Amino acid sequence: MPDEIRASETPRPAPEVALGDLKEASREAAERVEMDMIRAALRKTGGNVTRAAKTLGLSRKGLQIKMRQYGLEREKNADTGGRRLND
């Protein structure tokens, strides 16, 4: 077999990646997905936290904690004059 073909078959070592970087990247990606899902559930339910929590399979309190953690507020509805919707 020619050397250039044989050389391409030799596995190259994987580049070194710090484990902390991978963990941090995974955590950040999971947070982005979670925030997107919470926003979508709140939009779908017109800002009703109780129904959004049920849609997500969370308790109302659990969703409120996550919303505070991510700095999210209930969606305001134009039909209510900008007031927050009641649960």
N, C-alpha and C. Protein backbone atom coordinates (compact mmCIF):
# COMPACT_ATOMS: atom_id res chain seq x y z
N MET A 1 0.85 -1.16 0.00
CA MET A 1 0.00 0.00 0.00
C MET A 1 0.90 1.24 0.00
N PRO A 2 0.55 2.26 -0.79
CA PRO A 2 1.38 3.47 -0.84
C PRO A 2 1.41 4.17 0.53
N ASP A 3 2.53 4.82 0.82
CA ASP A 3 2.71 5.48 2.12
C ASP A 3 1.64 6.52 2.41
N GLU A 4 1.24 7.31 1.39
CA GLU A 4 0.24 8.35 1.66
C GLU A 4 -1.12 7.77 2.06
N ILE A 5 -1.47 6.60 1.55
CA ILE A 5 -2.71 5.93 1.95
C ILE A 5 -2.55 5.33 3.34
N ARG A 6 -1.43 4.69 3.57
CA ARG A 6 -1.17 4.09 4.87
C ARG A 6 -1.16 5.16 5.96
N ALA A 7 -0.59 6.32 5.67
CA ALA A 7 -0.52 7.40 6.65
C ALA A 7 -1.91 7.91 6.99
N SER A 8 -2.82 7.95 6.00
CA SER A 8 -4.16 8.46 6.27
C SER A 8 -4.98 7.48 7.11
N GLU A 9 -4.58 6.22 7.16
CA GLU A 9 -5.29 5.23 7.96
C GLU A 9 -4.85 5.25 9.42
N THR A 10 -3.73 5.89 9.69
CA THR A 10 -3.23 5.95 11.05
C THR A 10 -4.11 6.90 11.85
N PRO A 11 -4.70 6.41 12.93
CA PRO A 11 -5.58 7.30 13.71
C PRO A 11 -4.79 8.44 14.33
N ARG A 12 -5.40 9.60 14.30
CA ARG A 12 -4.78 10.77 14.91
C ARG A 12 -5.29 10.90 16.34
N PRO A 13 -4.43 11.33 17.24
CA PRO A 13 -4.90 11.51 18.62
C PRO A 13 -5.93 12.64 18.66
N ALA A 14 -6.92 12.49 19.50
CA ALA A 14 -7.94 13.53 19.66
C ALA A 14 -7.32 14.75 20.31
N PRO A 15 -7.76 15.94 19.88
CA PRO A 15 -7.22 17.14 20.52
C PRO A 15 -7.63 17.17 21.98
N GLU A 16 -6.75 17.69 22.79
CA GLU A 16 -7.04 17.75 24.22
C GLU A 16 -8.07 18.83 24.50
N VAL A 17 -9.11 18.46 25.19
CA VAL A 17 -10.15 19.40 25.61
C VAL A 17 -10.28 19.27 27.11
N ALA A 18 -10.24 20.38 27.77
CA ALA A 18 -10.37 20.35 29.23
C ALA A 18 -11.76 19.87 29.59
N LEU A 19 -11.84 18.94 30.53
CA LEU A 19 -13.12 18.38 30.94
C LEU A 19 -14.05 19.47 31.47
N GLY A 20 -13.51 20.43 32.15
CA GLY A 20 -14.33 21.53 32.66
C GLY A 20 -15.02 22.29 31.55
N ASP A 21 -14.36 22.47 30.42
CA ASP A 21 -14.95 23.16 29.29
C ASP A 21 -16.15 22.39 28.75
N LEU A 22 -16.03 21.08 28.66
CA LEU A 22 -17.12 20.25 28.16
C LEU A 22 -18.31 20.29 29.12
N LYS A 23 -18.04 20.20 30.40
CA LYS A 23 -19.12 20.27 31.39
C LYS A 23 -19.83 21.62 31.33
N GLU A 24 -19.06 22.68 31.25
CA GLU A 24 -19.64 24.02 31.20
C GLU A 24 -20.46 24.20 29.92
N ALA A 25 -19.95 23.76 28.80
CA ALA A 25 -20.68 23.87 27.54
C ALA A 25 -21.97 23.07 27.59
N SER A 26 -21.95 21.90 28.18
CA SER A 26 -23.15 21.07 28.31
C SER A 26 -24.17 21.74 29.21
N ARG A 27 -23.71 22.30 30.31
CA ARG A 27 -24.62 22.98 31.25
C ARG A 27 -25.28 24.18 30.59
N GLU A 28 -24.49 24.97 29.86
CA GLU A 28 -25.03 26.15 29.19
C GLU A 28 -26.04 25.76 28.11
N ALA A 29 -25.75 24.71 27.37
CA ALA A 29 -26.67 24.25 26.32
C ALA A 29 -27.98 23.77 26.95
N ALA A 30 -27.89 23.04 28.05
CA ALA A 30 -29.10 22.55 28.73
C ALA A 30 -29.93 23.73 29.25
N GLU A 31 -29.28 24.75 29.77
CA GLU A 31 -30.00 25.93 30.26
C GLU A 31 -30.72 26.65 29.13
N ARG A 32 -30.05 26.79 27.98
CA ARG A 32 -30.69 27.45 26.84
C ARG A 32 -31.93 26.69 26.38
N VAL A 33 -31.82 25.36 26.31
CA VAL A 33 -32.97 24.54 25.91
C VAL A 33 -34.10 24.68 26.93
N GLU A 34 -33.76 24.63 28.21
CA GLU A 34 -34.76 24.74 29.26
C GLU A 34 -35.47 26.09 29.20
N MET A 35 -34.70 27.18 29.02
CA MET A 35 -35.30 28.51 28.93
C MET A 35 -36.22 28.61 27.72
N ASP A 36 -35.80 28.05 26.59
CA ASP A 36 -36.64 28.07 25.38
C ASP A 36 -37.94 27.31 25.61
N MET A 37 -37.86 26.17 26.30
CA MET A 37 -39.06 25.37 26.56
C MET A 37 -40.00 26.11 27.52
N ILE A 38 -39.45 26.77 28.52
CA ILE A 38 -40.27 27.52 29.46
C ILE A 38 -40.96 28.67 28.74
N ARG A 39 -40.22 29.42 27.94
CA ARG A 39 -40.81 30.53 27.18
C ARG A 39 -41.94 30.04 26.28
N ALA A 40 -41.70 28.92 25.58
CA ALA A 40 -42.71 28.38 24.67
C ALA A 40 -43.96 27.96 25.44
N ALA A 41 -43.78 27.32 26.59
CA ALA A 41 -44.93 26.88 27.39
C ALA A 41 -45.72 28.08 27.91
N LEU A 42 -45.03 29.13 28.34
CA LEU A 42 -45.72 30.32 28.82
C LEU A 42 -46.46 31.01 27.68
N ARG A 43 -45.85 31.06 26.52
CA ARG A 43 -46.51 31.66 25.35
C ARG A 43 -47.77 30.86 24.99
N LYS A 44 -47.63 29.54 24.98
CA LYS A 44 -48.74 28.64 24.61
C LYS A 44 -49.91 28.77 25.58
N THR A 45 -49.62 29.02 26.85
CA THR A 45 -50.67 29.09 27.87
C THR A 45 -51.08 30.53 28.18
N GLY A 46 -50.63 31.47 27.38
CA GLY A 46 -51.00 32.86 27.61
C GLY A 46 -50.44 33.42 28.90
N GLY A 47 -49.33 32.87 29.37
CA GLY A 47 -48.68 33.36 30.57
C GLY A 47 -49.15 32.68 31.85
N ASN A 48 -50.01 31.69 31.73
CA ASN A 48 -50.53 31.00 32.91
C ASN A 48 -49.47 30.03 33.43
N VAL A 49 -48.89 30.36 34.57
CA VAL A 49 -47.78 29.59 35.13
C VAL A 49 -48.22 28.18 35.51
N THR A 50 -49.40 28.06 36.08
CA THR A 50 -49.88 26.74 36.51
C THR A 50 -50.02 25.81 35.31
N ARG A 51 -50.65 26.29 34.25
CA ARG A 51 -50.82 25.44 33.05
C ARG A 51 -49.49 25.19 32.35
N ALA A 52 -48.62 26.19 32.33
CA ALA A 52 -47.30 26.00 31.72
C ALA A 52 -46.50 24.94 32.47
N ALA A 53 -46.58 24.98 33.80
CA ALA A 53 -45.87 23.99 34.62
C ALA A 53 -46.39 22.60 34.32
N LYS A 54 -47.71 22.47 34.22
CA LYS A 54 -48.31 21.17 33.91
C LYS A 54 -47.84 20.68 32.54
N THR A 55 -47.80 21.58 31.57
CA THR A 55 -47.33 21.23 30.22
C THR A 55 -45.89 20.71 30.25
N LEU A 56 -45.07 21.30 31.11
CA LEU A 56 -43.66 20.93 31.21
C LEU A 56 -43.40 19.76 32.15
N GLY A 57 -44.44 19.33 32.87
CA GLY A 57 -44.25 18.24 33.82
C GLY A 57 -43.58 18.68 35.10
N LEU A 58 -43.78 19.96 35.45
CA LEU A 58 -43.20 20.52 36.67
C LEU A 58 -44.30 20.94 37.62
N SER A 59 -43.94 21.11 38.88
CA SER A 59 -44.89 21.73 39.81
C SER A 59 -44.88 23.23 39.53
N ARG A 60 -45.94 23.90 39.97
CA ARG A 60 -46.02 25.35 39.78
C ARG A 60 -44.83 26.03 40.47
N LYS A 61 -44.56 25.60 41.69
CA LYS A 61 -43.45 26.18 42.46
C LYS A 61 -42.11 25.91 41.76
N GLY A 62 -41.95 24.69 41.22
CA GLY A 62 -40.72 24.36 40.51
C GLY A 62 -40.50 25.26 39.30
N LEU A 63 -41.59 25.53 38.57
CA LEU A 63 -41.47 26.43 37.41
C LEU A 63 -41.16 27.85 37.86
N GLN A 64 -41.79 28.30 38.94
CA GLN A 64 -41.50 29.65 39.44
C GLN A 64 -40.04 29.79 39.84
N ILE A 65 -39.49 28.76 40.44
CA ILE A 65 -38.07 28.78 40.83
C ILE A 65 -37.19 28.90 39.59
N LYS A 66 -37.50 28.10 38.58
CA LYS A 66 -36.71 28.15 37.34
C LYS A 66 -36.85 29.50 36.65
N MET A 67 -38.05 30.05 36.66
CA MET A 67 -38.26 31.36 36.05
C MET A 67 -37.43 32.43 36.75
N ARG A 68 -37.39 32.39 38.08
CA ARG A 68 -36.55 33.33 38.84
C ARG A 68 -35.08 33.12 38.52
N GLN A 69 -34.67 31.83 38.47
CA GLN A 69 -33.28 31.49 38.20
C GLN A 69 -32.82 32.06 36.86
N TYR A 70 -33.71 32.01 35.84
CA TYR A 70 -33.36 32.49 34.51
C TYR A 70 -33.79 33.92 34.25
N GLY A 71 -34.40 34.56 35.23
CA GLY A 71 -34.84 35.94 35.05
C GLY A 71 -36.00 36.07 34.08
N LEU A 72 -36.87 35.07 34.03
CA LEU A 72 -38.01 35.09 33.11
C LEU A 72 -39.26 35.59 33.82
N GLU A 73 -40.10 36.30 33.11
CA GLU A 73 -41.39 36.73 33.62
C GLU A 73 -42.49 36.14 32.76
N ARG A 74 -43.68 36.13 33.30
CA ARG A 74 -44.82 35.66 32.51
C ARG A 74 -45.00 36.58 31.32
N GLU A 75 -45.46 36.02 30.22
CA GLU A 75 -45.74 36.81 29.02
C GLU A 75 -46.89 37.76 29.33
N LYS A 76 -46.78 38.98 28.87
CA LYS A 76 -47.87 39.94 29.03
C LYS A 76 -48.76 39.82 27.81
N ASN A 77 -50.04 39.90 28.03
CA ASN A 77 -51.01 39.73 26.96
C ASN A 77 -51.58 41.09 26.58
N ALA A 78 -51.61 41.38 25.29
CA ALA A 78 -52.13 42.66 24.82
C ALA A 78 -53.60 42.84 25.21
N ASP A 79 -54.35 41.74 25.30
CA ASP A 79 -55.77 41.80 25.65
C ASP A 79 -56.00 42.25 27.09
N THR A 80 -54.99 42.20 27.92
CA THR A 80 -55.15 42.58 29.33
C THR A 80 -54.59 43.97 29.58
N GLY A 81 -54.27 44.69 28.51
CA GLY A 81 -53.73 46.03 28.68
C GLY A 81 -52.32 46.03 29.23
N GLY A 82 -51.58 44.93 29.01
CA GLY A 82 -50.22 44.85 29.47
C GLY A 82 -50.06 44.33 30.88
N ARG A 83 -51.22 44.10 31.56
CA ARG A 83 -51.12 43.56 32.92
C ARG A 83 -50.71 42.11 32.86
N ARG A 84 -50.10 41.63 33.93
CA ARG A 84 -49.75 40.22 34.01
C ARG A 84 -51.02 39.41 34.19
N LEU A 85 -51.00 38.24 33.63
CA LEU A 85 -52.15 37.36 33.74
C LEU A 85 -52.15 36.64 35.07
N ASN A 86 -53.33 36.40 35.62
CA ASN A 86 -53.46 35.62 36.85
C ASN A 86 -53.34 34.16 36.55
N ASP A 87 -52.91 33.39 37.54
CA ASP A 87 -52.81 31.92 37.39
C ASP A 87 -54.15 31.29 37.61
